C-alpha cells in the first residue's frame, strides 16, 4: 500500500486512480468523540449544512487538516474501511456540486443520508498540532494514514 508522503508526482497519479483502502473523517477538538464510539455520531455543522459527510483520502488529509483545522490544537481522525462504504460513496468536489473521478484533483469521497458510527470506524487517531503547524503530527501518523 502507498503511504501518505509520496515521493513523486508520478507515484501520486498512479495511486490516485487506484481504489483507496481507507477514507478518513477529520473531527475538530471542539467535538470530541465519545469512548466508546456510539452507534451514531452527531453530524458536524459542516456536514449537516452540506447534507452529506465529508471525507478525505490519506493523500488529501494534510491539505484538509491545514486548510480547515489550522487553528485546532488537536484533531481526531477516524479511519473508515473503504470497502465497507464503497457503495455509498459519491466522489465530488468539496461542495458536493460537481461529480468527479475517484482520485481526481479536488474530488473527495462523500456519504449522503446517514450518520457515521462505531460500525464504520476501523480505528482512530488523535493528532496534535505542534509549533503552529501539523507537519510533525502528519509525519508521526504516516504509517497509519494509508491510501
C-alpha atoms as a PDB file:
ATOM      1  CA  UNK A   1       0.000   0.000   0.000  1.00  0.00           C
ATOM      2  CA  UNK A   2       1.117   3.517  -0.681  1.00  0.00           C
ATOM      3  CA  UNK A   3       1.618   5.764   2.294  1.00  0.00           C
ATOM      4  CA  UNK A   4       0.775   9.402   2.816  1.00  0.00           C
ATOM      5  CA  UNK A   5       4.101  11.013   1.977  1.00  0.00           C
ATOM      6  CA  UNK A   6       4.555  10.406  -1.720  1.00  0.00           C
ATOM      7  CA  UNK A   7       7.942  10.554  -3.329  1.00  0.00           C
ATOM      8  CA  UNK A   8       6.946  11.779  -6.784  1.00  0.00           C
ATOM      9  CA  UNK A   9       4.124  13.192  -8.849  1.00  0.00           C
ATOM     10  CA  UNK A  10       4.007  10.001 -10.922  1.00  0.00           C
ATOM     11  CA  UNK A  11       3.518   7.955  -7.732  1.00  0.00           C
ATOM     12  CA  UNK A  12       0.616  10.220  -6.741  1.00  0.00           C
ATOM     13  CA  UNK A  13      -1.003   9.961 -10.176  1.00  0.00           C
ATOM     14  CA  UNK A  14      -0.751   6.176 -10.176  1.00  0.00           C
ATOM     15  CA  UNK A  15      -2.124   5.985  -6.633  1.00  0.00           C
ATOM     16  CA  UNK A  16      -4.966   8.416  -7.294  1.00  0.00           C
ATOM     17  CA  UNK A  17      -6.517   6.097  -9.888  1.00  0.00           C
ATOM     18  CA  UNK A  18      -6.466   3.143  -7.502  1.00  0.00           C
ATOM     19  CA  UNK A  19      -9.269   2.442  -5.076  1.00  0.00           C
ATOM     20  CA  UNK A  20      -8.357   3.644  -1.556  1.00  0.00           C
ATOM     21  CA  UNK A  21      -8.015   1.159   1.278  1.00  0.00           C
ATOM     22  CA  UNK A  22      -9.320   3.711   3.785  1.00  0.00           C
ATOM     23  CA  UNK A  23     -11.018   7.086   3.858  1.00  0.00           C
ATOM     24  CA  UNK A  24     -10.713   9.473   6.788  1.00  0.00           C
ATOM     25  CA  UNK A  25     -13.094  11.682   8.728  1.00  0.00           C
ATOM     26  CA  UNK A  26     -11.441  14.620  10.482  1.00  0.00           C
ATOM     27  CA  UNK A  27     -13.197  15.799  13.638  1.00  0.00           C
ATOM     28  CA  UNK A  28     -12.429  19.054  15.420  1.00  0.00           C
ATOM     29  CA  UNK A  29     -11.227  19.048  19.025  1.00  0.00           C
ATOM     30  CA  UNK A  30     -14.362  21.080  19.804  1.00  0.00           C
ATOM     31  CA  UNK A  31     -16.497  17.990  19.023  1.00  0.00           C
ATOM     32  CA  UNK A  32     -14.784  15.217  20.994  1.00  0.00           C
ATOM     33  CA  UNK A  33     -15.558  11.632  20.033  1.00  0.00           C
ATOM     34  CA  UNK A  34     -17.067   9.723  22.992  1.00  0.00           C
ATOM     35  CA  UNK A  35     -15.495   6.457  24.156  1.00  0.00           C
ATOM     36  CA  UNK A  36     -16.710   4.008  23.203  1.00  0.00           C
ATOM     37  CA  UNK A  37     -17.732   5.388  19.829  1.00  0.00           C
ATOM     38  CA  UNK A  38     -21.551   5.386  19.700  1.00  0.00           C
ATOM     39  CA  UNK A  39     -23.648   3.634  17.063  1.00  0.00           C
ATOM     40  CA  UNK A  40     -24.339   7.055  15.506  1.00  0.00           C
ATOM     41  CA  UNK A  41     -22.207  10.168  15.863  1.00  0.00           C
ATOM     42  CA  UNK A  42     -23.819  13.577  15.505  1.00  0.00           C
ATOM     43  CA  UNK A  43     -23.121  15.297  12.198  1.00  0.00           C
ATOM     44  CA  UNK A  44     -20.691  18.196  12.247  1.00  0.00           C
ATOM     45  CA  UNK A  45     -22.109  21.633  11.478  1.00  0.00           C
ATOM     46  CA  UNK A  46     -20.480  21.476   8.040  1.00  0.00           C
ATOM     47  CA  UNK A  47     -21.872  18.004   7.298  1.00  0.00           C
ATOM     48  CA  UNK A  48     -25.362  18.988   8.456  1.00  0.00           C
ATOM     49  CA  UNK A  49     -25.304  22.167   6.360  1.00  0.00           C
ATOM     50  CA  UNK A  50     -23.907  20.333   3.308  1.00  0.00           C
ATOM     51  CA  UNK A  51     -26.325  17.409   3.528  1.00  0.00           C
ATOM     52  CA  UNK A  52     -23.522  14.848   3.394  1.00  0.00           C
ATOM     53  CA  UNK A  53     -20.493  13.655   5.355  1.00  0.00           C
ATOM     54  CA  UNK A  54     -17.124  14.958   4.153  1.00  0.00           C
ATOM     55  CA  UNK A  55     -14.182  12.527   3.989  1.00  0.00           C
ATOM     56  CA  UNK A  56     -10.620  12.665   2.718  1.00  0.00           C
ATOM     57  CA  UNK A  57      -8.252  10.086   1.328  1.00  0.00           C
ATOM     58  CA  UNK A  58      -4.859   9.703   3.013  1.00  0.00           C
ATOM     59  CA  UNK A  59      -3.312  11.877   0.309  1.00  0.00           C
ATOM     60  CA  UNK A  60      -5.920  14.601   0.983  1.00  0.00           C
ATOM     61  CA  UNK A  61      -5.641  14.598   4.794  1.00  0.00           C
ATOM     62  CA  UNK A  62      -2.675  17.026   5.034  1.00  0.00           C
ATOM     63  CA  UNK A  63      -4.361  19.655   2.889  1.00  0.00           C
ATOM     64  CA  UNK A  64      -7.730  19.237   4.623  1.00  0.00           C
ATOM     65  CA  UNK A  65      -6.055  19.427   8.029  1.00  0.00           C
ATOM     66  CA  UNK A  66      -4.074  22.555   7.183  1.00  0.00           C
ATOM     67  CA  UNK A  67      -6.969  24.302   5.457  1.00  0.00           C
ATOM     68  CA  UNK A  68      -9.924  23.575   7.725  1.00  0.00           C
ATOM     69  CA  UNK A  69      -8.276  22.739  11.061  1.00  0.00           C
ATOM     70  CA  UNK A  70      -5.310  25.131  11.008  1.00  0.00           C
ATOM     71  CA  UNK A  71      -6.190  26.661  14.382  1.00  0.00           C
ATOM     72  CA  UNK A  72      -7.299  23.489  16.169  1.00  0.00           C
ATOM     73  CA  UNK A  73      -4.788  22.274  18.783  1.00  0.00           C
ATOM     74  CA  UNK A  74      -5.790  18.683  18.016  1.00  0.00           C
ATOM     75  CA  UNK A  75      -7.973  16.724  15.625  1.00  0.00           C
ATOM     76  CA  UNK A  76      -9.412  13.229  15.884  1.00  0.00           C
ATOM     77  CA  UNK A  77      -9.193  11.267  12.665  1.00  0.00           C
ATOM     78  CA  UNK A  78     -11.488   8.309  12.121  1.00  0.00           C
ATOM     79  CA  UNK A  79     -10.270   5.664   9.667  1.00  0.00           C
ATOM     80  CA  UNK A  80     -13.015   4.002   7.638  1.00  0.00           C
ATOM     81  CA  UNK A  81     -12.528   0.802   5.632  1.00  0.00           C
ATOM     82  CA  UNK A  82     -13.382   1.933   2.108  1.00  0.00           C
ATOM     83  CA  UNK A  83     -14.647  -1.494   1.022  1.00  0.00           C
ATOM     84  CA  UNK A  84     -17.398  -1.331   3.679  1.00  0.00           C
ATOM     85  CA  UNK A  85     -18.783   2.024   2.454  1.00  0.00           C
ATOM     86  CA  UNK A  86     -17.799   1.922  -1.225  1.00  0.00           C
ATOM     87  CA  UNK A  87     -21.381   1.525  -2.473  1.00  0.00           C
ATOM     88  CA  UNK A  88     -22.419   4.676  -0.583  1.00  0.00           C
ATOM     89  CA  UNK A  89     -19.549   6.916  -1.721  1.00  0.00           C
ATOM     90  CA  UNK A  90     -20.059   9.729  -4.178  1.00  0.00           C
ATOM     91  CA  UNK A  91     -16.854  11.310  -5.496  1.00  0.00           C
ATOM     92  CA  UNK A  92     -17.458  15.044  -5.815  1.00  0.00           C
ATOM     93  CA  UNK A  93     -15.904  18.455  -5.368  1.00  0.00           C
ATOM     94  CA  UNK A  94     -15.737  19.669  -1.778  1.00  0.00           C
ATOM     95  CA  UNK A  95     -19.141  21.371  -2.020  1.00  0.00           C
ATOM     96  CA  UNK A  96     -20.916  18.349  -3.485  1.00  0.00           C
ATOM     97  CA  UNK A  97     -21.906  20.330  -6.569  1.00  0.00           C
ATOM     98  CA  UNK A  98     -19.868  18.538  -9.245  1.00  0.00           C
ATOM     99  CA  UNK A  99     -19.236  14.814  -9.550  1.00  0.00           C
ATOM    100  CA  UNK A 100     -15.740  13.688 -10.426  1.00  0.00           C
ATOM    101  CA  UNK A 101     -13.500  10.740 -10.952  1.00  0.00           C
ATOM    102  CA  UNK A 102     -12.154   8.913  -7.910  1.00  0.00           C
ATOM    103  CA  UNK A 103      -8.754  10.368  -7.111  1.00  0.00           C
ATOM    104  CA  UNK A 104      -9.296  13.386  -9.330  1.00  0.00           C
ATOM    105  CA  UNK A 105      -7.844  16.748  -8.316  1.00  0.00           C
ATOM    106  CA  UNK A 106     -10.181  18.404  -5.800  1.00  0.00           C
ATOM    107  CA  UNK A 107     -12.534  15.400  -5.735  1.00  0.00           C
ATOM    108  CA  UNK A 108     -13.466  13.982  -2.320  1.00  0.00           C
ATOM    109  CA  UNK A 109     -15.458  10.995  -1.008  1.00  0.00           C
ATOM    110  CA  UNK A 110     -18.877  11.910   0.419  1.00  0.00           C
ATOM    111  CA  UNK A 111     -21.653   9.868   2.033  1.00  0.00           C
ATOM    112  CA  UNK A 112     -25.256  11.089   1.965  1.00  0.00           C
ATOM    113  CA  UNK A 113     -28.251  10.257   4.097  1.00  0.00           C
ATOM    114  CA  UNK A 114     -26.824   8.831   7.279  1.00  0.00           C
ATOM    115  CA  UNK A 115     -24.533   9.377  10.243  1.00  0.00           C
ATOM    116  CA  UNK A 116     -21.189   7.757  10.882  1.00  0.00           C
ATOM    117  CA  UNK A 117     -20.953   5.347  13.801  1.00  0.00           C
ATOM    118  CA  UNK A 118     -18.980   2.678  15.599  1.00  0.00           C
ATOM    119  CA  UNK A 119     -19.666   0.016  12.966  1.00  0.00           C
ATOM    120  CA  UNK A 120     -17.971   2.220  10.360  1.00  0.00           C
ATOM    121  CA  UNK A 121     -14.815   3.114  12.279  1.00  0.00           C
ATOM    122  CA  UNK A 122     -11.860   0.783  11.784  1.00  0.00           C
ATOM    123  CA  UNK A 123      -9.616   2.833  14.091  1.00  0.00           C
ATOM    124  CA  UNK A 124      -8.984   6.373  15.245  1.00  0.00           C
ATOM    125  CA  UNK A 125      -6.037   8.591  15.966  1.00  0.00           C
ATOM    126  CA  UNK A 126      -5.658  11.973  17.632  1.00  0.00           C
ATOM    127  CA  UNK A 127      -3.164  14.339  16.038  1.00  0.00           C
ATOM    128  CA  UNK A 128      -1.779  17.288  17.969  1.00  0.00           C
ATOM    129  CA  UNK A 129      -0.611  20.476  16.271  1.00  0.00           C
ATOM    130  CA  UNK A 130       2.910  21.402  17.274  1.00  0.00           C
ATOM    131  CA  UNK A 131       4.607  24.801  16.986  1.00  0.00           C
ATOM    132  CA  UNK A 132       1.710  26.197  14.985  1.00  0.00           C
ATOM    133  CA  UNK A 133       1.659  23.546  12.260  1.00  0.00           C
ATOM    134  CA  UNK A 134       0.670  19.976  11.550  1.00  0.00           C
ATOM    135  CA  UNK A 135       3.877  18.749   9.876  1.00  0.00           C
ATOM    136  CA  UNK A 136       5.288  16.767  12.813  1.00  0.00           C
ATOM    137  CA  UNK A 137       1.914  15.203  13.626  1.00  0.00           C
ATOM    138  CA  UNK A 138       1.483  14.156   9.993  1.00  0.00           C
ATOM    139  CA  UNK A 139       4.974  12.678   9.881  1.00  0.00           C
ATOM    140  CA  UNK A 140       4.233  10.675  13.054  1.00  0.00           C
ATOM    141  CA  UNK A 141       0.944   9.425  11.542  1.00  0.00           C
ATOM    142  CA  UNK A 142       2.495   8.454   8.208  1.00  0.00           C
ATOM    143  CA  UNK A 143       2.271   4.688   8.765  1.00  0.00           C
ATOM    144  CA  UNK A 144      -1.369   4.959   9.892  1.00  0.00           C
ATOM    145  CA  UNK A 145      -2.536   7.221   7.040  1.00  0.00           C
ATOM    146  CA  UNK A 146      -2.702   4.602   4.302  1.00  0.00           C
ATOM    147  CA  UNK A 147      -4.188   5.153   0.870  1.00  0.00           C
END
